[in-house]
Amino acid sequence: MSDAPVSEATIDLTCPRCGVATSARYYGPCATCRDTLRATVGGEAREIETEDYEPKMNVTPNAVASKD
């Protein structure tokens, strides 16, 4: 594992959402669009409860496994 510092280089790009020319480390929406998306689309994380898995009982046993 290398201890080299991470490059802070930026690239010039056009925001794919609003079309404004900007520069950023990675391709994607500009800072204004990211803030807008977080405010309108983002939500709070929540715990979702799921039922425990119970296998179906309509499966017949394998003929070889049930051979006497």
C-alpha atoms as a PDB file:
ATOM      1  CA  MET A   1       0.000   0.000   0.000  1.00  0.00           C
ATOM      2  CA  SER A   2       1.388   3.386  -0.972  1.00  0.00           C
ATOM      3  CA  ASP A   3       1.493   6.371   1.360  1.00  0.00           C
ATOM      4  CA  ALA A   4       1.572   8.823  -1.559  1.00  0.00           C
ATOM      5  CA  PRO A   5      -0.709  11.852  -1.113  1.00  0.00           C
ATOM      6  CA  VAL A   6      -3.928  11.978  -3.112  1.00  0.00           C
ATOM      7  CA  SER A   7      -3.787  14.310  -6.102  1.00  0.00           C
ATOM      8  CA  GLU A   8      -5.974  17.409  -5.844  1.00  0.00           C
ATOM      9  CA  ALA A   9      -5.968  17.946  -9.625  1.00  0.00           C
ATOM     10  CA  THR A  10      -9.215  19.116 -11.182  1.00  0.00           C
ATOM     11  CA  ILE A  11     -10.650  18.755 -14.664  1.00  0.00           C
ATOM     12  CA  ASP A  12     -12.670  21.281 -16.641  1.00  0.00           C
ATOM     13  CA  LEU A  13     -16.118  19.926 -17.490  1.00  0.00           C
ATOM     14  CA  THR A  14     -19.694  20.892 -18.243  1.00  0.00           C
ATOM     15  CA  CYS A  15     -22.268  20.001 -15.583  1.00  0.00           C
ATOM     16  CA  PRO A  16     -24.436  17.202 -17.016  1.00  0.00           C
ATOM     17  CA  ARG A  17     -27.473  18.535 -15.143  1.00  0.00           C
ATOM     18  CA  CYS A  18     -27.500  22.306 -15.748  1.00  0.00           C
ATOM     19  CA  GLY A  19     -24.867  22.745 -18.493  1.00  0.00           C
ATOM     20  CA  VAL A  20     -22.669  25.258 -16.613  1.00  0.00           C
ATOM     21  CA  ALA A  21     -18.911  25.068 -17.206  1.00  0.00           C
ATOM     22  CA  THR A  22     -17.086  24.134 -13.992  1.00  0.00           C
ATOM     23  CA  SER A  23     -14.007  22.320 -12.723  1.00  0.00           C
ATOM     24  CA  ALA A  24     -14.041  19.428 -10.280  1.00  0.00           C
ATOM     25  CA  ARG A  25     -12.007  16.409  -9.202  1.00  0.00           C
ATOM     26  CA  TYR A  26     -14.560  13.955 -10.645  1.00  0.00           C
ATOM     27  CA  TYR A  27     -17.143  14.068 -13.440  1.00  0.00           C
ATOM     28  CA  GLY A  28     -20.664  14.745 -12.194  1.00  0.00           C
ATOM     29  CA  PRO A  29     -23.082  17.508 -11.223  1.00  0.00           C
ATOM     30  CA  CYS A  30     -21.675  20.884 -10.137  1.00  0.00           C
ATOM     31  CA  ALA A  31     -21.677  21.907  -6.460  1.00  0.00           C
ATOM     32  CA  THR A  32     -24.903  23.916  -6.845  1.00  0.00           C
ATOM     33  CA  CYS A  33     -26.720  20.981  -8.456  1.00  0.00           C
ATOM     34  CA  ARG A  34     -25.406  18.574  -5.782  1.00  0.00           C
ATOM     35  CA  ASP A  35     -26.723  20.842  -3.023  1.00  0.00           C
ATOM     36  CA  THR A  36     -30.094  21.112  -4.772  1.00  0.00           C
ATOM     37  CA  LEU A  37     -30.302  17.338  -5.224  1.00  0.00           C
ATOM     38  CA  ARG A  38     -29.442  16.716  -1.563  1.00  0.00           C
ATOM     39  CA  ALA A  39     -32.167  19.147  -0.467  1.00  0.00           C
ATOM     40  CA  THR A  40     -34.896  17.826  -2.764  1.00  0.00           C
ATOM     41  CA  VAL A  41     -34.170  14.133  -3.325  1.00  0.00           C
ATOM     42  CA  GLY A  42     -32.071  13.102  -0.339  1.00  0.00           C
ATOM     43  CA  GLY A  43     -33.746  11.571   2.668  1.00  0.00           C
ATOM     44  CA  GLU A  44     -32.905  10.440   6.132  1.00  0.00           C
ATOM     45  CA  ALA A  45     -31.503   6.939   6.540  1.00  0.00           C
ATOM     46  CA  ARG A  46     -33.916   4.597   8.241  1.00  0.00           C
ATOM     47  CA  GLU A  47     -33.972   1.006   9.435  1.00  0.00           C
ATOM     48  CA  ILE A  48     -36.213  -1.300   7.405  1.00  0.00           C
ATOM     49  CA  GLU A  49     -37.629  -4.373   9.056  1.00  0.00           C
ATOM     50  CA  THR A  50     -38.031  -7.497   6.942  1.00  0.00           C
ATOM     51  CA  GLU A  51     -39.704 -10.780   7.696  1.00  0.00           C
ATOM     52  CA  ASP A  52     -37.530 -13.791   8.459  1.00  0.00           C
ATOM     53  CA  TYR A  53     -37.117 -16.170   5.533  1.00  0.00           C
ATOM     54  CA  GLU A  54     -39.163 -19.342   5.807  1.00  0.00           C
ATOM     55  CA  PRO A  55     -38.767 -21.893   3.013  1.00  0.00           C
ATOM     56  CA  LYS A  56     -41.835 -23.118   1.149  1.00  0.00           C
ATOM     57  CA  MET A  57     -43.112 -26.556   2.043  1.00  0.00           C
ATOM     58  CA  ASN A  58     -44.447 -27.416  -1.442  1.00  0.00           C
ATOM     59  CA  VAL A  59     -41.110 -28.890  -2.565  1.00  0.00           C
ATOM     60  CA  THR A  60     -40.975 -32.677  -2.907  1.00  0.00           C
ATOM     61  CA  PRO A  61     -37.865 -34.524  -1.754  1.00  0.00           C
ATOM     62  CA  ASN A  62     -35.388 -35.816  -4.310  1.00  0.00           C
ATOM     63  CA  ALA A  63     -36.131 -39.403  -5.370  1.00  0.00           C
ATOM     64  CA  VAL A  64     -32.502 -40.455  -4.846  1.00  0.00           C
ATOM     65  CA  ALA A  65     -32.347 -38.901  -1.386  1.00  0.00           C
ATOM     66  CA  SER A  66     -35.556 -40.628  -0.249  1.00  0.00           C
ATOM     67  CA  LYS A  67     -34.621 -44.096  -1.660  1.00  0.00           C
ATOM     68  CA  ASP A  68     -34.880 -46.859   0.951  1.00  0.00           C
END
